[in-house]
Protein backbone atom coordinates (compact mmCIF):
# COMPACT_ATOMS: atom_id res chain seq x y z
CA MET A 1 -70.53 66.88 -70.63
CA LYS A 2 -72.20 65.21 -67.11
CA VAL A 3 -74.49 62.50 -66.77
CA TYR A 4 -76.20 62.66 -63.44
CA GLY A 5 -77.74 59.48 -62.09
CA ILE A 6 -77.64 56.39 -60.40
CA LYS A 7 -75.33 53.71 -61.41
CA ASN A 8 -77.41 50.74 -61.50
CA CYS A 9 -80.30 52.02 -62.74
CA ASP A 10 -81.03 50.07 -65.87
CA THR A 11 -81.79 53.43 -67.80
CA VAL A 12 -78.49 55.17 -66.88
CA LYS A 13 -76.88 51.80 -67.64
CA LYS A 14 -78.32 51.84 -71.53
CA ALA A 15 -77.62 55.93 -71.75
CA ARG A 16 -73.81 55.49 -70.80
CA LYS A 17 -73.52 52.73 -72.91
CA PHE A 18 -74.80 54.43 -75.70
CA LEU A 19 -72.49 56.99 -74.99
CA ASP A 20 -69.54 54.93 -74.67
CA GLU A 21 -70.24 53.47 -78.22
CA ALA A 22 -70.71 56.66 -79.76
CA GLY A 23 -67.25 57.73 -78.16
CA VAL A 24 -69.01 60.58 -76.25
CA GLU A 25 -66.41 61.86 -73.38
CA TYR A 26 -68.61 62.53 -70.20
CA SER A 27 -68.01 62.29 -66.24
CA PHE A 28 -70.57 60.28 -64.49
CA HIS A 29 -71.98 61.86 -61.14
CA ASP A 30 -73.59 58.85 -59.11
CA TYR A 31 -76.53 60.46 -56.35
CA LYS A 32 -75.77 57.62 -54.47
CA LYS A 33 -72.10 58.25 -54.28
CA ASP A 34 -71.78 61.48 -54.75
CA GLY A 35 -75.13 63.15 -53.22
CA VAL A 36 -77.79 65.68 -54.58
CA ASP A 37 -76.50 69.25 -55.22
CA ALA A 38 -79.39 71.06 -54.38
CA ASP A 39 -78.42 74.36 -56.25
CA LYS A 40 -77.98 72.19 -59.58
CA LEU A 41 -80.96 70.16 -59.17
CA ALA A 42 -83.01 73.46 -58.77
CA LYS A 43 -81.36 74.48 -62.14
CA PHE A 44 -82.72 71.18 -63.59
CA VAL A 45 -85.98 71.62 -62.31
CA GLY A 46 -86.33 75.20 -63.37
CA GLU A 47 -85.30 73.92 -67.10
CA PHE A 48 -87.61 71.01 -67.26
CA GLY A 49 -90.06 71.65 -64.53
CA TRP A 50 -90.39 69.94 -61.27
CA GLU A 51 -93.63 67.18 -62.87
CA ALA A 52 -90.54 66.13 -65.32
CA VAL A 53 -87.57 65.97 -62.99
CA LEU A 54 -89.40 64.29 -59.97
CA ASN A 55 -90.05 60.38 -61.35
CA LYS A 56 -93.66 59.39 -60.18
CA ARG A 57 -93.52 56.22 -61.83
CA GLY A 58 -90.27 54.60 -60.06
CA THR A 59 -90.64 52.59 -56.86
CA THR A 60 -89.09 55.23 -54.52
CA TRP A 61 -92.09 57.35 -55.26
CA ARG A 62 -94.62 54.66 -54.69
CA ARG A 63 -92.58 53.63 -51.34
CA LEU A 64 -93.06 57.22 -50.12
CA ASP A 65 -95.98 57.74 -48.08
CA GLU A 66 -99.26 59.15 -48.98
CA ALA A 67 -98.86 62.43 -46.65
CA THR A 68 -95.03 62.90 -48.66
CA GLN A 69 -96.70 62.28 -52.31
CA ASP A 70 -99.69 64.49 -51.56
CA GLY A 71 -97.24 67.41 -50.00
CA VAL A 72 -95.68 67.56 -53.23
CA THR A 73 -97.61 70.53 -54.85
CA ASP A 74 -94.94 72.97 -56.64
CA ALA A 75 -90.78 72.70 -57.15
CA LYS A 76 -90.34 73.74 -53.58
CA SER A 77 -91.94 70.49 -52.03
CA ALA A 78 -90.59 68.94 -55.22
CA LEU A 79 -87.24 69.57 -54.61
CA ASP A 80 -87.22 68.82 -50.90
CA VAL A 81 -88.30 65.17 -51.79
CA MET A 82 -86.02 64.70 -54.23
CA ILE A 83 -83.18 65.79 -52.03
CA GLU A 84 -84.25 63.62 -49.58
CA ASN A 85 -84.66 60.89 -51.59
CA PRO A 86 -82.37 60.62 -54.87
CA SER A 87 -83.83 57.64 -56.02
CA ALA A 88 -86.76 59.79 -57.22
CA ILE A 89 -84.94 61.86 -59.20
CA LYS A 90 -85.67 61.10 -63.15
CA ARG A 91 -82.75 59.72 -65.06
CA PRO A 92 -80.27 60.08 -66.44
CA ILE A 93 -79.68 63.87 -66.44
CA VAL A 94 -76.99 65.07 -69.15
CA GLU A 95 -75.32 68.40 -68.98
CA GLY A 96 -74.16 69.10 -72.15
CA ALA A 97 -72.15 72.17 -73.55
CA GLU A 98 -74.86 73.27 -75.77
CA LYS A 99 -77.75 71.61 -74.64
CA ASN A 100 -79.33 69.69 -71.66
CA PHE A 101 -81.28 66.40 -71.82
CA ILE A 102 -83.53 64.45 -69.53
CA GLY A 103 -84.36 60.86 -69.82
CA PHE A 104 -82.86 58.24 -72.54
CA ASP A 105 -84.34 58.10 -76.18
CA ALA A 106 -82.13 56.30 -78.04
CA VAL A 107 -83.72 57.96 -81.35
CA ALA A 108 -83.69 61.43 -80.01
CA TRP A 109 -79.81 60.87 -78.71
CA GLU A 110 -78.75 59.77 -82.19
CA MET A 111 -80.33 62.72 -83.70
CA ALA A 112 -78.70 65.26 -81.08
CA LEU A 113 -75.24 63.43 -81.95
CA GLU A 114 -75.96 63.87 -85.45
CA LEU A 115 -76.48 68.05 -84.92
CA GLY A 116 -73.47 68.00 -82.47
CA GLU A 117 -75.99 68.93 -79.60
CA LEU A 118 -74.83 65.77 -77.75
CA LYS A 119 -71.11 66.79 -76.78
């Protein structure tokens, strides 16, 4: 399993703590330190939709100029913004053996653990 995110993100910290306490083995990919793999990000956009992967609630999005924000109208334009601004990617994204997850929801993750989907 691989967890994608940013080390200092509070939601990523909660997700990693959850996995650690559950004894789930994973590797961590820090967008700030390790960069963004455009092909992998495009795969997540294909799976979850660009609207779900692009974090429009965060400070990074709010700091973007209006022209950049208005220019995001489809997957291609969203990918361009996320590659240029990794903090605009919803976090965490978890790439599991059988199923991928976006965002952290302790209740949903607990259920996924019980079902064997989070591994």
